[in-house]
Amino acid sequence: MGGKVLAGDRASDASCRGQAGQRARLFTVFKGSDWTLLGYQPHDRPSAIAGVRIVTVGAGQELVDDNGHIAEAYGIDPSQWGLVRPDGYIAGIFPPMGLNRGFRNI
């Protein structure tokens, strides 16, 4: 994620929509005991990872950022990924090619 949030920061909330058009909030997506890997307009989706919920944002993805609230809250660039800990803090920010390397370091 490009600049507004960094590892160690509290994850930001933002309004968005689900695929069916229902209103949603990121804090609702982050709830639970799993980590959340949040990808913004990703080109590829990583393989399933035990204990990690993978959520993508963009046209045709699980969440739609139709008003740019997620991009604004995170300073996010397309194809970047943010890993959110279960306690709601950012664990890491990854470029698309850095996911595998980054998970080995957490």
N, C-alpha and C. Protein backbone atom coordinates (compact mmCIF):
# COMPACT_ATOMS: atom_id res chain seq x y z
N MET A 1 0.87 -1.15 0.00
CA MET A 1 0.00 0.00 0.00
C MET A 1 0.91 1.20 0.00
N GLY A 2 0.58 2.14 -0.80
CA GLY A 2 1.52 3.14 -1.22
C GLY A 2 1.96 4.23 -0.30
N GLY A 3 1.40 4.52 0.84
CA GLY A 3 1.99 5.60 1.58
C GLY A 3 1.26 6.06 2.81
N LYS A 4 -0.04 5.89 2.91
CA LYS A 4 -0.76 6.41 4.08
C LYS A 4 -0.66 5.49 5.28
N VAL A 5 -0.60 4.18 5.05
CA VAL A 5 -0.46 3.25 6.16
C VAL A 5 0.83 2.47 6.00
N LEU A 6 1.43 2.14 7.13
CA LEU A 6 2.68 1.38 7.17
C LEU A 6 2.53 0.24 8.15
N ALA A 7 3.43 -0.72 8.07
CA ALA A 7 3.42 -1.81 9.04
C ALA A 7 3.48 -1.22 10.45
N GLY A 8 2.62 -1.73 11.32
CA GLY A 8 2.53 -1.24 12.69
C GLY A 8 1.42 -0.24 12.92
N ASP A 9 0.89 0.35 11.84
CA ASP A 9 -0.24 1.28 11.95
C ASP A 9 -1.54 0.53 12.16
N ARG A 10 -2.49 1.20 12.76
CA ARG A 10 -3.84 0.66 12.88
C ARG A 10 -4.46 0.64 11.49
N ALA A 11 -5.08 -0.47 11.12
CA ALA A 11 -5.77 -0.56 9.83
C ALA A 11 -6.93 0.42 9.81
N SER A 12 -7.13 1.07 8.69
CA SER A 12 -8.21 2.04 8.55
C SER A 12 -9.50 1.36 8.14
N ASP A 13 -10.60 1.95 8.56
CA ASP A 13 -11.91 1.51 8.11
C ASP A 13 -12.24 2.29 6.84
N ALA A 14 -13.08 1.74 6.01
CA ALA A 14 -13.54 2.44 4.81
C ALA A 14 -14.83 1.77 4.35
N SER A 15 -15.71 2.56 3.78
CA SER A 15 -16.93 1.99 3.21
C SER A 15 -16.62 1.46 1.82
N CYS A 16 -17.37 0.43 1.44
CA CYS A 16 -17.22 -0.19 0.13
C CYS A 16 -18.51 -0.95 -0.16
N ARG A 17 -18.50 -1.73 -1.21
CA ARG A 17 -19.66 -2.57 -1.55
C ARG A 17 -19.20 -4.00 -1.79
N GLY A 18 -20.09 -4.95 -1.51
CA GLY A 18 -19.84 -6.34 -1.86
C GLY A 18 -20.18 -6.55 -3.33
N GLN A 19 -19.91 -7.72 -3.85
CA GLN A 19 -20.17 -8.01 -5.26
C GLN A 19 -21.63 -7.82 -5.65
N ALA A 20 -22.55 -8.10 -4.74
CA ALA A 20 -23.97 -7.97 -5.04
C ALA A 20 -24.48 -6.55 -4.82
N GLY A 21 -23.58 -5.62 -4.49
CA GLY A 21 -23.97 -4.23 -4.31
C GLY A 21 -24.29 -3.84 -2.88
N GLN A 22 -24.24 -4.79 -1.95
CA GLN A 22 -24.55 -4.49 -0.55
C GLN A 22 -23.46 -3.63 0.06
N ARG A 23 -23.87 -2.73 0.94
CA ARG A 23 -22.90 -1.89 1.65
C ARG A 23 -22.05 -2.75 2.56
N ALA A 24 -20.79 -2.38 2.68
CA ALA A 24 -19.87 -3.12 3.54
C ALA A 24 -18.86 -2.13 4.13
N ARG A 25 -18.16 -2.58 5.15
CA ARG A 25 -17.09 -1.78 5.78
C ARG A 25 -15.89 -2.70 5.96
N LEU A 26 -14.71 -2.14 5.81
CA LEU A 26 -13.50 -2.95 5.98
C LEU A 26 -13.40 -3.53 7.38
N PHE A 27 -13.78 -2.78 8.41
CA PHE A 27 -13.69 -3.32 9.77
C PHE A 27 -14.51 -4.59 9.92
N THR A 28 -15.62 -4.70 9.22
CA THR A 28 -16.42 -5.91 9.25
C THR A 28 -15.67 -7.05 8.58
N VAL A 29 -15.00 -6.76 7.48
CA VAL A 29 -14.20 -7.77 6.77
C VAL A 29 -13.05 -8.26 7.65
N PHE A 30 -12.45 -7.37 8.43
CA PHE A 30 -11.29 -7.72 9.27
C PHE A 30 -11.67 -8.48 10.54
N LYS A 31 -12.95 -8.53 10.91
CA LYS A 31 -13.36 -9.19 12.16
C LYS A 31 -13.02 -10.68 12.13
N GLY A 32 -12.72 -11.19 13.28
CA GLY A 32 -12.47 -12.63 13.41
C GLY A 32 -11.04 -12.90 13.85
N SER A 33 -10.71 -14.17 13.92
CA SER A 33 -9.40 -14.57 14.42
C SER A 33 -8.38 -14.80 13.31
N ASP A 34 -8.79 -14.68 12.06
CA ASP A 34 -7.86 -14.87 10.95
C ASP A 34 -7.15 -13.56 10.60
N TRP A 35 -5.99 -13.67 10.01
CA TRP A 35 -5.32 -12.54 9.40
C TRP A 35 -6.07 -12.25 8.11
N THR A 36 -5.98 -11.03 7.58
CA THR A 36 -6.63 -10.68 6.31
C THR A 36 -5.58 -10.13 5.37
N LEU A 37 -5.50 -10.74 4.20
CA LEU A 37 -4.63 -10.26 3.14
C LEU A 37 -5.52 -9.50 2.17
N LEU A 38 -5.33 -8.19 2.09
CA LEU A 38 -6.19 -7.31 1.30
C LEU A 38 -5.43 -6.87 0.05
N GLY A 39 -5.94 -7.25 -1.11
CA GLY A 39 -5.31 -6.89 -2.37
C GLY A 39 -6.15 -5.88 -3.13
N TYR A 40 -5.50 -4.84 -3.64
CA TYR A 40 -6.22 -3.79 -4.36
C TYR A 40 -5.97 -3.94 -5.86
N GLN A 41 -7.04 -4.21 -6.60
CA GLN A 41 -6.98 -4.40 -8.05
C GLN A 41 -5.84 -5.33 -8.44
N PRO A 42 -5.81 -6.53 -7.84
CA PRO A 42 -4.69 -7.44 -8.08
C PRO A 42 -4.73 -8.05 -9.48
N HIS A 43 -3.54 -8.35 -9.99
CA HIS A 43 -3.44 -9.06 -11.27
C HIS A 43 -3.59 -10.55 -11.03
N ASP A 44 -3.06 -11.03 -9.91
CA ASP A 44 -3.12 -12.44 -9.55
C ASP A 44 -3.53 -12.56 -8.10
N ARG A 45 -4.08 -13.72 -7.78
CA ARG A 45 -4.47 -14.00 -6.41
C ARG A 45 -3.54 -15.08 -5.87
N PRO A 46 -2.98 -14.89 -4.68
CA PRO A 46 -2.10 -15.93 -4.13
C PRO A 46 -2.89 -17.19 -3.78
N SER A 47 -2.18 -18.29 -3.66
CA SER A 47 -2.79 -19.55 -3.23
C SER A 47 -3.30 -19.39 -1.81
N ALA A 48 -4.23 -20.25 -1.44
CA ALA A 48 -4.78 -20.23 -0.08
C ALA A 48 -3.67 -20.40 0.95
N ILE A 49 -3.82 -19.68 2.06
CA ILE A 49 -2.85 -19.72 3.15
C ILE A 49 -3.64 -20.00 4.43
N ALA A 50 -3.26 -21.03 5.16
CA ALA A 50 -3.98 -21.38 6.39
C ALA A 50 -3.99 -20.20 7.35
N GLY A 51 -5.16 -19.87 7.89
CA GLY A 51 -5.30 -18.80 8.87
C GLY A 51 -5.33 -17.41 8.29
N VAL A 52 -5.36 -17.30 6.96
CA VAL A 52 -5.38 -16.00 6.29
C VAL A 52 -6.58 -15.92 5.35
N ARG A 53 -7.40 -14.92 5.57
CA ARG A 53 -8.54 -14.63 4.69
C ARG A 53 -8.02 -13.73 3.58
N ILE A 54 -8.18 -14.14 2.33
CA ILE A 54 -7.72 -13.34 1.20
C ILE A 54 -8.92 -12.59 0.63
N VAL A 55 -8.83 -11.26 0.60
CA VAL A 55 -9.92 -10.41 0.11
C VAL A 55 -9.35 -9.48 -0.94
N THR A 56 -10.02 -9.42 -2.08
CA THR A 56 -9.56 -8.54 -3.15
C THR A 56 -10.57 -7.42 -3.39
N VAL A 57 -10.03 -6.28 -3.81
CA VAL A 57 -10.83 -5.08 -4.04
C VAL A 57 -10.66 -4.64 -5.49
N GLY A 58 -11.77 -4.37 -6.15
CA GLY A 58 -11.72 -3.88 -7.52
C GLY A 58 -12.90 -4.42 -8.32
N ALA A 59 -13.01 -4.01 -9.56
CA ALA A 59 -14.09 -4.48 -10.42
C ALA A 59 -13.99 -6.00 -10.56
N GLY A 60 -15.10 -6.69 -10.30
CA GLY A 60 -15.13 -8.14 -10.40
C GLY A 60 -14.49 -8.87 -9.23
N GLN A 61 -14.12 -8.16 -8.17
CA GLN A 61 -13.50 -8.77 -6.99
C GLN A 61 -14.53 -8.86 -5.87
N GLU A 62 -14.12 -9.35 -4.68
CA GLU A 62 -15.06 -9.49 -3.56
C GLU A 62 -15.61 -8.15 -3.10
N LEU A 63 -14.77 -7.13 -3.08
CA LEU A 63 -15.20 -5.80 -2.65
C LEU A 63 -14.99 -4.79 -3.78
N VAL A 64 -15.87 -3.82 -3.84
CA VAL A 64 -15.78 -2.76 -4.84
C VAL A 64 -15.57 -1.44 -4.11
N ASP A 65 -14.55 -0.72 -4.52
CA ASP A 65 -14.22 0.59 -3.94
C ASP A 65 -14.80 1.68 -4.85
N ASP A 66 -16.13 1.68 -4.97
CA ASP A 66 -16.76 2.53 -5.98
C ASP A 66 -16.61 4.03 -5.73
N ASN A 67 -16.39 4.44 -4.53
CA ASN A 67 -16.20 5.87 -4.25
C ASN A 67 -14.76 6.21 -3.86
N GLY A 68 -13.86 5.25 -3.99
CA GLY A 68 -12.46 5.49 -3.70
C GLY A 68 -12.11 5.61 -2.23
N HIS A 69 -13.01 5.17 -1.34
CA HIS A 69 -12.75 5.30 0.10
C HIS A 69 -11.57 4.44 0.57
N ILE A 70 -11.44 3.24 0.02
CA ILE A 70 -10.32 2.37 0.41
C ILE A 70 -9.01 2.97 -0.10
N ALA A 71 -9.00 3.37 -1.35
CA ALA A 71 -7.78 3.98 -1.92
C ALA A 71 -7.38 5.22 -1.13
N GLU A 72 -8.34 6.01 -0.73
CA GLU A 72 -8.06 7.24 0.03
C GLU A 72 -7.54 6.91 1.43
N ALA A 73 -8.17 5.95 2.10
CA ALA A 73 -7.79 5.63 3.47
C ALA A 73 -6.40 5.00 3.54
N TYR A 74 -6.02 4.25 2.52
CA TYR A 74 -4.77 3.51 2.57
C TYR A 74 -3.66 4.09 1.69
N GLY A 75 -3.98 5.02 0.80
CA GLY A 75 -2.97 5.49 -0.14
C GLY A 75 -2.50 4.33 -1.00
N ILE A 76 -3.43 3.50 -1.37
CA ILE A 76 -3.15 2.20 -1.99
C ILE A 76 -2.95 2.33 -3.50
N ASP A 77 -2.04 1.53 -4.01
CA ASP A 77 -1.78 1.47 -5.45
C ASP A 77 -2.27 0.13 -5.98
N PRO A 78 -2.71 0.09 -7.24
CA PRO A 78 -3.14 -1.19 -7.81
C PRO A 78 -2.05 -2.25 -7.69
N SER A 79 -2.48 -3.45 -7.43
CA SER A 79 -1.65 -4.66 -7.32
C SER A 79 -0.91 -4.78 -6.00
N GLN A 80 -1.05 -3.83 -5.08
CA GLN A 80 -0.40 -3.95 -3.79
C GLN A 80 -1.29 -4.73 -2.81
N TRP A 81 -0.66 -5.29 -1.80
CA TRP A 81 -1.34 -6.10 -0.80
C TRP A 81 -0.97 -5.61 0.59
N GLY A 82 -1.96 -5.63 1.48
CA GLY A 82 -1.70 -5.32 2.87
C GLY A 82 -2.14 -6.49 3.73
N LEU A 83 -1.33 -6.85 4.69
CA LEU A 83 -1.65 -7.94 5.60
C LEU A 83 -2.08 -7.33 6.92
N VAL A 84 -3.33 -7.61 7.32
CA VAL A 84 -3.91 -7.06 8.55
C VAL A 84 -3.98 -8.17 9.60
N ARG A 85 -3.37 -7.91 10.75
CA ARG A 85 -3.38 -8.87 11.85
C ARG A 85 -4.79 -8.98 12.42
N PRO A 86 -5.08 -10.06 13.14
CA PRO A 86 -6.40 -10.20 13.77
C PRO A 86 -6.74 -9.08 14.74
N ASP A 87 -5.73 -8.40 15.31
CA ASP A 87 -6.01 -7.30 16.24
C ASP A 87 -6.24 -5.97 15.52
N GLY A 88 -6.24 -5.99 14.17
CA GLY A 88 -6.58 -4.79 13.42
C GLY A 88 -5.40 -3.88 13.07
N TYR A 89 -4.19 -4.37 13.24
CA TYR A 89 -3.01 -3.58 12.87
C TYR A 89 -2.37 -4.14 11.61
N ILE A 90 -1.71 -3.27 10.86
CA ILE A 90 -1.06 -3.65 9.62
C ILE A 90 0.22 -4.44 9.96
N ALA A 91 0.33 -5.65 9.44
CA ALA A 91 1.53 -6.47 9.66
C ALA A 91 2.57 -6.23 8.59
N GLY A 92 2.13 -5.92 7.39
CA GLY A 92 3.08 -5.71 6.30
C GLY A 92 2.39 -5.20 5.06
N ILE A 93 3.17 -4.57 4.22
CA ILE A 93 2.72 -4.03 2.95
C ILE A 93 3.58 -4.70 1.88
N PHE A 94 2.96 -5.24 0.85
CA PHE A 94 3.70 -6.03 -0.13
C PHE A 94 3.37 -5.63 -1.56
N PRO A 95 4.40 -5.51 -2.40
CA PRO A 95 4.14 -5.40 -3.83
C PRO A 95 3.71 -6.78 -4.32
N PRO A 96 3.12 -6.89 -5.52
CA PRO A 96 2.61 -8.19 -5.96
C PRO A 96 3.67 -9.28 -5.98
N MET A 97 4.87 -8.99 -6.32
CA MET A 97 5.91 -10.01 -6.39
C MET A 97 6.56 -10.27 -5.04
N GLY A 98 6.22 -9.50 -4.02
CA GLY A 98 6.85 -9.65 -2.71
C GLY A 98 6.07 -10.47 -1.72
N LEU A 99 4.93 -11.04 -2.11
CA LEU A 99 4.09 -11.76 -1.15
C LEU A 99 4.82 -12.96 -0.55
N ASN A 100 5.37 -13.83 -1.35
CA ASN A 100 6.02 -15.03 -0.82
C ASN A 100 7.20 -14.69 0.05
N ARG A 101 8.04 -13.77 -0.37
CA ARG A 101 9.20 -13.36 0.42
C ARG A 101 8.75 -12.73 1.74
N GLY A 102 7.72 -11.88 1.69
CA GLY A 102 7.24 -11.19 2.88
C GLY A 102 6.66 -12.11 3.92
N PHE A 103 5.93 -13.15 3.52
CA PHE A 103 5.34 -14.06 4.48
C PHE A 103 6.39 -14.88 5.21
N ARG A 104 7.52 -15.12 4.60
CA ARG A 104 8.59 -15.85 5.29
C ARG A 104 9.18 -15.00 6.42
N ASN A 105 9.04 -13.68 6.32
CA ASN A 105 9.65 -12.79 7.31
C ASN A 105 8.71 -12.42 8.46
N ILE A 106 7.47 -12.83 8.40
CA ILE A 106 6.51 -12.44 9.45
C ILE A 106 6.40 -13.55 10.49
